């Protein structure tokens, strides 16, 4: 176990905690202790080599607007040459001699030569992509830098993109004379041998609260309902309403509290000890620190924001409400994500997709602009047009701004070139 300073790659100033099976990036700095790591990517496959290659490719590629300059040049150059030749003959026929006429011909070519026209786009693109790389935003090519400005609808994947992708305990309610720590302790004992992600969330919370979690004497997982465990002489039940009904435990008085938590998109587990309900534990996938701010800025820019999730509608809407997102596409299977993007494009919208998982790759490819989160899977990063290394959604706003400013500069350059 150690903490690693990854600021040179991610821009994140706080060292990142690393435990067994975590990935480390070459050229980052180990701050505490020592650990053994396995080199899975070397040479041209390292993160740094990838970043350099992407930036170089982007700077060498042509933006669609460059075609405008190329088209103009295709007509402009022959016209200038013809004007130069005509000028040569006019002065030659007027009897000013060959050398003077040749000087006139060269002067016309040099003054009218569209050098600035050819440089108007590449210079702006080099600066735009370079600034992006400094901010931890990688544009795969010049086209993606131009496209970002035209986007009107942005679709966000939920888990791992807007949220942390790891369930955390959000609420603990204790009933009768029980304390919240008692509820958490019994819940943690019951879940100690479980491998469920929700069990991990409860155990992490108990660890955080420095509660000693004893081993249960006996443990039994009841599929789709919860778990039962025996600790000393107590029988602990932890699970959903069905588990309580099966064991004839009354929870009618708490139904409104359960419903309220569920409406907030949380998974509620009831805790009972010896046939008596002692409390509730609510678990949810929590929002990333910067999600709210990023969505607010995009709303202020007048963009349409859509939440796309495989989760049920209630959870999707709860997250959307917290973030101020107006439209939710819930219960979308991984294979249907690209189809949903296609539908939106069918409505005449220019769509960007922001995602991080393997299941987002088809949607990233289908969208007019795919934005991949750098902490996501390799396939998502490979498919996206833009990669956000810092895992910060505010960079979606920065990418659109960069695109806008770069295009404005290109048009300005073309105007002055003319």
Protein backbone atom coordinates (compact mmCIF):
# COMPACT_ATOMS: atom_id res chain seq x y z
CA UNK A 1 0.00 0.00 0.00
CA UNK A 2 1.28 3.46 -0.89
CA UNK A 3 0.31 6.88 -2.17
CA UNK A 4 1.52 8.10 -5.54
CA UNK A 5 1.84 11.65 -6.87
CA UNK A 6 0.27 11.50 -10.34
CA UNK A 7 0.03 15.27 -10.82
CA UNK A 8 2.27 15.34 -13.91
CA UNK A 9 -0.26 13.20 -15.78
CA UNK A 10 -3.63 13.94 -14.17
CA UNK A 11 -3.11 17.41 -12.71
CA UNK A 12 -4.50 16.09 -9.40
CA UNK A 13 -2.36 17.61 -6.64
CA UNK A 14 -3.34 15.17 -3.86
CA UNK A 15 -1.40 11.86 -3.97
CA UNK A 16 -3.57 8.90 -4.99
CA UNK A 17 -3.88 5.93 -2.61
CA UNK A 18 -2.74 2.67 -4.18
CA UNK A 19 -3.46 -0.84 -2.93
CA UNK A 20 -3.06 -4.34 -4.38
CA UNK A 21 -4.23 -4.65 -8.04
CA UNK A 22 -4.36 -0.85 -8.56
CA UNK A 23 -2.76 0.56 -11.71
CA UNK A 24 0.26 2.84 -11.49
CA UNK A 25 1.51 5.13 -14.25
CA UNK A 26 5.16 5.12 -15.33
CA UNK A 27 7.09 8.34 -14.50
CA UNK A 28 4.84 9.23 -11.55
CA UNK A 29 6.31 9.56 -8.06
CA UNK A 30 5.87 7.12 -5.17
CA UNK A 31 5.48 9.12 -1.95
CA UNK A 32 5.29 6.59 0.89
CA UNK A 33 6.75 3.15 1.55
CA UNK A 34 7.59 0.82 -1.29
CA UNK A 35 5.71 -1.69 -3.42
CA UNK A 36 6.28 -4.12 -6.27
CA UNK A 37 4.55 -3.45 -9.55
CA UNK A 38 4.23 -5.36 -12.79
CA UNK A 39 5.02 -3.51 -16.03
CA UNK A 40 2.06 -4.28 -18.28
CA UNK A 41 2.73 -1.51 -20.82
CA UNK A 42 6.21 -0.43 -21.87
CA UNK A 43 7.81 1.77 -24.54
CA UNK A 44 5.28 2.96 -27.08
CA UNK A 45 2.36 1.60 -25.01
CA UNK A 46 2.97 3.77 -21.92
CA UNK A 47 0.52 6.51 -20.96
CA UNK A 48 3.09 9.21 -21.70
CA UNK A 49 3.91 7.79 -25.16
CA UNK A 50 0.16 7.61 -25.91
CA UNK A 51 -0.34 11.25 -24.94
CA UNK A 52 2.62 12.43 -27.06
CA UNK A 53 1.43 10.42 -30.07
CA UNK A 54 -2.15 11.73 -29.79
CA UNK A 55 -1.02 15.35 -29.57
CA UNK A 56 1.34 14.94 -32.53
CA UNK A 57 -1.37 13.30 -34.65
CA UNK A 58 -3.88 16.02 -33.76
CA UNK A 59 -1.43 18.78 -34.62
CA UNK A 60 -0.62 17.17 -37.97
CA UNK A 61 -4.23 16.55 -39.00
CA UNK A 62 -6.50 18.85 -40.97
CA UNK A 63 -9.68 20.41 -39.62
CA UNK A 64 -12.67 20.53 -42.02
CA UNK A 65 -12.31 24.34 -42.09
CA UNK A 66 -8.81 23.83 -43.58
CA UNK A 67 -10.53 22.45 -46.66
CA UNK A 68 -12.04 25.89 -47.18
CA UNK A 69 -8.54 27.41 -47.27
CA UNK A 70 -7.35 24.61 -49.58
CA UNK A 71 -10.31 25.15 -51.95
CA UNK A 72 -9.69 28.90 -52.06
CA UNK A 73 -5.96 28.33 -52.66
CA UNK A 74 -6.78 25.99 -55.57
CA UNK A 75 -8.45 28.90 -57.42
CA UNK A 76 -6.36 31.68 -55.94
CA UNK A 77 -2.89 30.43 -57.00
CA UNK A 78 -3.62 29.96 -60.77
CA UNK A 79 -5.37 33.37 -60.86
CA UNK A 80 -2.32 35.06 -59.25
CA UNK A 81 0.06 33.33 -61.70
CA UNK A 82 -2.08 34.48 -64.65
CA UNK A 83 -2.18 38.08 -63.30
CA UNK A 84 1.64 37.91 -62.86
CA UNK A 85 2.13 36.76 -66.48
CA UNK A 86 -0.26 39.46 -67.81
CA UNK A 87 1.64 42.11 -65.78
CA UNK A 88 4.95 40.86 -67.24
CA UNK A 89 3.70 41.17 -70.82
CA UNK A 90 2.05 44.59 -70.29
CA UNK A 91 5.31 46.16 -69.03
CA UNK A 92 7.43 44.26 -71.58
CA UNK A 93 5.25 45.45 -74.47
CA UNK A 94 5.39 48.99 -73.08
CA UNK A 95 9.13 48.73 -73.76
CA UNK A 96 10.52 48.74 -70.20
CA UNK A 97 12.74 45.76 -70.86
CA UNK A 98 12.91 42.12 -69.76
CA UNK A 99 14.56 42.64 -66.32
CA UNK A 100 12.02 45.27 -65.21
CA UNK A 101 9.07 43.15 -66.46
CA UNK A 102 10.46 40.06 -64.67
CA UNK A 103 10.76 42.10 -61.44
CA UNK A 104 7.07 43.08 -61.80
CA UNK A 105 6.11 39.40 -62.37
CA UNK A 106 8.05 38.29 -59.23
CA UNK A 107 6.59 41.19 -57.17
CA UNK A 108 3.03 40.16 -58.05
CA UNK A 109 3.74 36.53 -57.07
CA UNK A 110 5.44 37.43 -53.78
CA UNK A 111 2.89 40.03 -52.64
CA UNK A 112 -0.14 37.90 -53.52
CA UNK A 113 1.34 34.56 -52.43
CA UNK A 114 -1.21 32.97 -50.04
CA UNK A 115 1.33 31.84 -47.41
CA UNK A 116 -0.78 33.29 -44.61
CA UNK A 117 -3.79 31.45 -46.03
CA UNK A 118 -1.98 28.13 -45.71
CA UNK A 119 -0.83 28.89 -42.17
CA UNK A 120 -4.11 30.34 -40.87
CA UNK A 121 -5.52 26.96 -39.77
CA UNK A 122 -2.51 24.79 -38.78
CA UNK A 123 -1.02 27.41 -36.43
CA UNK A 124 -4.32 27.89 -34.58
CA UNK A 125 -4.82 24.10 -34.36
CA UNK A 126 -1.31 23.57 -32.97
CA UNK A 127 -1.97 26.15 -30.26
CA UNK A 128 -5.49 24.80 -29.54
CA UNK A 129 -4.44 21.16 -29.21
CA UNK A 130 -1.30 22.15 -27.27
CA UNK A 131 -3.35 24.18 -24.77
CA UNK A 132 -5.77 21.27 -24.50
CA UNK A 133 -2.93 18.84 -23.69
CA UNK A 134 -1.69 21.24 -20.99
CA UNK A 135 -5.14 21.15 -19.41
CA UNK A 136 -5.34 17.34 -19.65
CA UNK A 137 -7.71 17.37 -22.63
CA UNK A 138 -6.52 15.29 -25.58
CA UNK A 139 -8.08 15.98 -28.98
CA UNK A 140 -7.47 12.93 -31.20
CA UNK A 141 -7.55 15.08 -34.35
CA UNK A 142 -8.24 18.59 -35.61
CA UNK A 143 -11.75 17.57 -36.71
CA UNK A 144 -12.78 16.81 -33.11
CA UNK A 145 -11.44 20.22 -32.09
CA UNK A 146 -13.71 21.86 -34.68
CA UNK A 147 -16.73 19.62 -33.98
CA UNK A 148 -16.86 20.41 -30.24
CA UNK A 149 -18.17 23.91 -30.96
CA UNK A 150 -21.13 22.60 -32.99
CA UNK A 151 -22.49 20.26 -30.28
CA UNK A 152 -25.98 21.12 -28.98
CA UNK A 153 -26.86 17.95 -27.02
CA UNK A 154 -24.57 16.23 -24.51
CA UNK A 155 -25.40 12.72 -23.28
CA UNK A 156 -23.77 11.59 -20.03
CA UNK A 157 -23.38 8.00 -18.89
CA UNK A 158 -24.24 7.78 -15.16
CA UNK A 159 -22.08 5.20 -13.39
CA UNK A 160 -18.39 6.08 -13.31
CA UNK A 161 -18.93 9.26 -15.32
CA UNK A 162 -21.25 11.47 -13.26
CA UNK A 163 -20.98 9.22 -10.20
CA UNK A 164 -17.97 7.56 -8.56
CA UNK A 165 -19.16 4.09 -9.57
CA UNK A 166 -18.69 2.80 -6.03
CA UNK A 167 -21.63 2.49 -3.64
CA UNK A 168 -21.29 4.32 -0.33
CA UNK A 169 -23.42 4.38 2.81
CA UNK A 170 -25.37 7.66 2.74
CA UNK A 171 -27.89 7.29 5.60
CA UNK A 172 -28.24 5.28 8.80
CA UNK A 173 -31.51 5.50 10.75
CA UNK A 174 -31.90 3.95 14.21
CA UNK A 175 -35.28 3.09 15.79
CA UNK A 176 -36.46 2.77 19.42
CA UNK A 177 -33.53 3.15 21.81
CA UNK A 178 -30.87 1.93 19.41
CA UNK A 179 -27.93 4.05 18.28
CA UNK A 180 -26.78 4.50 14.70
CA UNK A 181 -23.47 2.82 15.59
CA UNK A 182 -25.40 -0.26 16.80
CA UNK A 183 -27.31 -0.46 13.53
CA UNK A 184 -24.08 -0.14 11.52
CA UNK A 185 -22.28 -2.70 13.71
CA UNK A 186 -24.99 -5.37 13.30
CA UNK A 187 -25.26 -4.64 9.56
CA UNK A 188 -21.47 -5.00 9.17
CA UNK A 189 -21.37 -8.29 11.16
CA UNK A 190 -24.16 -9.69 8.96
CA UNK A 191 -22.34 -8.64 5.77
CA UNK A 192 -18.81 -9.60 6.87
CA UNK A 193 -18.73 -12.79 4.80
CA UNK A 194 -20.76 -11.44 1.87
CA UNK A 195 -19.13 -10.55 -1.45
CA UNK A 196 -21.89 -8.18 -2.57
CA UNK A 197 -20.87 -4.59 -3.54
CA UNK A 198 -23.38 -3.25 -0.99
CA UNK A 199 -21.68 -5.33 1.70
CA UNK A 200 -18.39 -3.68 0.80
CA UNK A 201 -20.00 -0.25 1.23
CA UNK A 202 -21.28 -1.17 4.73
CA UNK A 203 -17.94 -2.65 5.81
CA UNK A 204 -16.05 0.40 4.52
CA UNK A 205 -18.35 2.67 6.53
CA UNK A 206 -17.81 0.58 9.69
CA UNK A 207 -14.05 0.77 9.12
CA UNK A 208 -14.29 4.54 8.71
CA UNK A 209 -16.25 4.84 11.96
CA UNK A 210 -13.62 2.60 13.66
CA UNK A 211 -16.22 0.01 14.65
CA UNK A 212 -14.86 -3.43 15.52
CA UNK A 213 -16.66 -5.94 13.32
CA UNK A 214 -16.76 -9.46 14.79
CA UNK A 215 -17.16 -12.63 12.78
CA UNK A 216 -20.70 -14.04 12.68
CA UNK A 217 -21.12 -17.59 14.03
CA UNK A 218 -23.19 -18.54 11.01
CA UNK A 219 -23.97 -16.79 7.74
CA UNK A 220 -26.54 -17.43 5.03
CA UNK A 221 -27.16 -15.44 1.85
CA UNK A 222 -30.79 -15.37 0.68
CA UNK A 223 -30.79 -14.56 -3.05
CA UNK A 224 -32.79 -11.48 -4.00
CA UNK A 225 -33.71 -10.74 -0.39
CA UNK A 226 -30.61 -10.23 1.75
CA UNK A 227 -28.65 -12.12 4.40
CA UNK A 228 -29.18 -13.75 7.75
CA UNK A 229 -26.40 -14.21 10.28
CA UNK A 230 -26.04 -15.45 13.84
CA UNK A 231 -23.85 -13.49 16.23
CA UNK A 232 -23.50 -14.74 19.83
CA UNK A 233 -27.15 -15.54 20.61
CA UNK A 234 -28.64 -12.95 18.24
CA UNK A 235 -30.19 -13.60 14.85
CA UNK A 236 -29.45 -10.68 12.50
CA UNK A 237 -31.46 -10.08 9.34
CA UNK A 238 -30.37 -7.54 6.75
CA UNK A 239 -32.23 -7.09 3.50
CA UNK A 240 -35.26 -5.78 1.68
CA UNK A 241 -38.98 -5.74 2.53
CA UNK A 242 -39.45 -9.31 1.26
CA UNK A 243 -36.94 -10.64 3.80
CA UNK A 244 -38.79 -8.87 6.62
CA UNK A 245 -42.19 -10.12 5.44
CA UNK A 246 -40.90 -13.71 5.24
CA UNK A 247 -39.73 -13.45 8.85
CA UNK A 248 -42.93 -11.69 10.00
CA UNK A 249 -41.11 -8.53 11.10
CA UNK A 250 -43.26 -5.40 11.20
CA UNK A 251 -41.91 -2.36 9.34
CA UNK A 252 -45.18 -0.52 8.54
CA UNK A 253 -44.29 2.50 10.69
CA UNK A 254 -41.11 3.09 8.75
CA UNK A 255 -42.55 2.68 5.23
CA UNK A 256 -42.64 6.45 4.56
CA UNK A 257 -38.95 6.79 5.55
CA UNK A 258 -38.01 3.87 3.29
CA UNK A 259 -39.96 5.34 0.35
CA UNK A 260 -38.41 8.79 0.85
CA UNK A 261 -34.87 7.33 0.70
CA UNK A 262 -35.77 5.22 -2.35
CA UNK A 263 -37.11 8.30 -4.13
CA UNK A 264 -33.65 9.83 -3.67
CA UNK A 265 -32.27 6.91 -5.69
CA UNK A 266 -30.86 5.02 -2.70
CA UNK A 267 -30.94 1.28 -1.98
CA UNK A 268 -32.46 0.74 1.46
CA UNK A 269 -31.63 -2.26 3.66
CA UNK A 270 -33.62 -3.02 6.79
CA UNK A 271 -31.76 -4.31 9.86
CA UNK A 272 -33.52 -6.56 12.35
CA UNK A 273 -32.12 -8.29 15.43
CA UNK A 274 -34.13 -11.09 17.10
CA UNK A 275 -37.35 -10.39 15.19
CA UNK A 276 -37.22 -6.65 15.98
CA UNK A 277 -36.46 -3.88 13.46
CA UNK A 278 -33.60 -1.76 14.83
CA UNK A 279 -32.86 0.52 11.86
CA UNK A 280 -32.21 1.16 8.20
CA UNK A 281 -29.04 1.52 6.16
CA UNK A 282 -29.22 3.39 2.82
CA UNK A 283 -26.54 2.94 0.19
CA UNK A 284 -26.07 4.90 -3.03
CA UNK A 285 -23.57 5.58 -5.76
CA UNK A 286 -22.44 9.11 -4.87
CA UNK A 287 -21.79 11.96 -7.29
CA UNK A 288 -18.29 12.98 -8.31
CA UNK A 289 -17.13 16.24 -6.73
CA UNK A 290 -17.30 18.34 -9.92
CA UNK A 291 -20.38 16.84 -11.63
CA UNK A 292 -22.80 19.50 -10.35
CA UNK A 293 -20.59 22.42 -11.39
CA UNK A 294 -19.95 20.95 -14.85
CA UNK A 295 -23.66 20.38 -15.56
CA UNK A 296 -24.56 23.89 -14.32
CA UNK A 297 -21.99 25.46 -16.67
CA UNK A 298 -23.27 23.42 -19.62
CA UNK A 299 -26.87 24.41 -18.81
CA UNK A 300 -25.76 28.06 -18.69
CA UNK A 301 -24.22 27.61 -22.15
CA UNK A 302 -27.66 26.54 -23.39
CA UNK A 303 -26.72 22.90 -24.10
CA UNK A 304 -29.33 20.14 -23.80
CA UNK A 305 -28.14 17.61 -21.19
CA UNK A 306 -29.37 14.00 -21.16
CA UNK A 307 -28.64 11.28 -18.59
CA UNK A 308 -28.24 7.77 -20.02
CA UNK A 309 -28.26 4.84 -17.60
CA UNK A 310 -28.90 1.13 -17.31
CA UNK A 311 -30.31 1.77 -13.83
CA UNK A 312 -34.03 1.93 -13.06
CA UNK A 313 -35.91 5.14 -13.79
CA UNK A 314 -36.30 6.12 -10.13
CA UNK A 315 -32.54 6.11 -9.51
CA UNK A 316 -31.85 7.86 -12.81
CA UNK A 317 -34.35 10.60 -12.06
CA UNK A 318 -33.04 11.04 -8.52
CA UNK A 319 -29.49 11.61 -9.83
CA UNK A 320 -30.77 13.88 -12.63
CA UNK A 321 -32.74 15.97 -10.10
CA UNK A 322 -29.63 16.46 -7.93
CA UNK A 323 -27.68 17.66 -10.97
CA UNK A 324 -30.35 19.71 -12.71
CA UNK A 325 -30.60 17.43 -15.78
CA UNK A 326 -33.96 17.65 -17.52
CA UNK A 327 -34.09 14.43 -19.55
CA UNK A 328 -33.37 10.85 -18.47
CA UNK A 329 -33.05 7.72 -20.62
CA UNK A 330 -33.21 4.90 -18.06
CA UNK A 331 -33.02 1.08 -18.19
CA UNK A 332 -30.98 1.23 -21.42
CA UNK A 333 -29.07 -2.01 -22.04
CA UNK A 334 -25.40 -1.64 -23.06
CA UNK A 335 -26.10 -2.83 -26.59
CA UNK A 336 -28.92 -0.25 -26.97
CA UNK A 337 -26.89 2.82 -26.00
CA UNK A 338 -25.71 3.48 -29.57
CA UNK A 339 -29.31 3.15 -30.82
CA UNK A 340 -30.44 5.83 -28.36
CA UNK A 341 -27.74 8.19 -29.69
CA UNK A 342 -28.90 7.41 -33.26
CA UNK A 343 -32.47 8.33 -32.30
CA UNK A 344 -31.31 11.71 -30.97
CA UNK A 345 -29.35 12.30 -34.18
CA UNK A 346 -32.54 11.43 -36.08
CA UNK A 347 -34.15 14.42 -34.33
CA UNK A 348 -31.56 16.58 -36.11
CA UNK A 349 -29.32 17.08 -33.09
CA UNK A 350 -25.53 17.27 -32.99
CA UNK A 351 -24.78 14.85 -30.15
CA UNK A 352 -21.75 14.39 -27.90
CA UNK A 353 -21.50 11.31 -25.67
CA UNK A 354 -19.48 11.30 -22.44
CA UNK A 355 -18.64 7.84 -21.04
CA UNK A 356 -16.01 5.66 -19.42
CA UNK A 357 -16.96 1.97 -19.72
CA UNK A 358 -16.67 -0.82 -22.27
CA UNK A 359 -20.44 -0.61 -22.64
CA UNK A 360 -20.14 3.07 -23.67
CA UNK A 361 -17.77 2.39 -26.60
CA UNK A 362 -20.49 1.83 -29.29
CA UNK A 363 -22.29 5.01 -28.18
CA UNK A 364 -19.01 6.98 -28.20
CA UNK A 365 -18.41 5.78 -31.77
CA UNK A 366 -22.00 6.58 -32.89
CA UNK A 367 -22.05 10.10 -31.44
CA UNK A 368 -20.94 13.10 -33.50
CA UNK A 369 -18.33 13.62 -30.80
CA UNK A 370 -17.19 10.92 -28.33
CA UNK A 371 -15.68 12.18 -25.07
CA UNK A 372 -13.96 9.47 -23.01
CA UNK A 373 -13.01 9.79 -19.36
CA UNK A 374 -9.28 9.06 -18.90
CA UNK A 375 -9.85 6.86 -15.86
CA UNK A 376 -12.17 4.65 -17.94
CA UNK A 377 -11.51 1.48 -19.90
CA UNK A 378 -8.97 1.30 -22.75
CA UNK A 379 -11.69 0.57 -25.31
CA UNK A 380 -13.64 3.72 -24.34
CA UNK A 381 -10.46 5.83 -24.57
CA UNK A 382 -9.62 4.24 -27.94
CA UNK A 383 -13.11 5.03 -29.31
CA UNK A 384 -13.49 8.60 -28.04
CA UNK A 385 -12.57 11.65 -30.15
CA UNK A 386 -11.55 13.56 -27.03
CA UNK A 387 -9.99 12.06 -23.88
CA UNK A 388 -10.25 13.84 -20.51
CA UNK A 389 -7.17 12.67 -18.62
CA UNK A 390 -8.05 14.36 -15.34
CA UNK A 391 -11.37 12.57 -14.86
CA UNK A 392 -12.91 16.02 -14.24
CA UNK A 393 -16.22 16.72 -16.03
CA UNK A 394 -15.55 20.47 -15.99
CA UNK A 395 -13.09 19.69 -18.79
CA UNK A 396 -16.09 19.02 -21.09
CA UNK A 397 -16.84 22.75 -20.74
CA UNK A 398 -13.16 23.66 -21.29
CA UNK A 399 -13.04 21.48 -24.44
CA UNK A 400 -16.07 23.28 -25.92
CA UNK A 401 -14.56 26.67 -25.02
CA UNK A 402 -11.21 25.73 -26.58
CA UNK A 403 -13.00 24.65 -29.75
CA UNK A 404 -14.93 27.93 -29.87
CA UNK A 405 -11.83 30.10 -29.37
CA UNK A 406 -9.72 28.11 -31.87
CA UNK A 407 -12.37 28.41 -34.59
CA UNK A 408 -12.77 32.11 -33.93
CA UNK A 409 -8.98 32.52 -34.30
CA UNK A 410 -8.93 30.47 -37.55
CA UNK A 411 -11.65 32.67 -39.09
CA UNK A 412 -9.81 35.78 -37.91
CA UNK A 413 -6.57 34.47 -39.49
CA UNK A 414 -8.32 33.67 -42.78
CA UNK A 415 -9.86 37.18 -42.89
CA UNK A 416 -6.48 38.88 -42.36
CA UNK A 417 -4.81 36.49 -44.83
CA UNK A 418 -7.26 37.70 -47.49
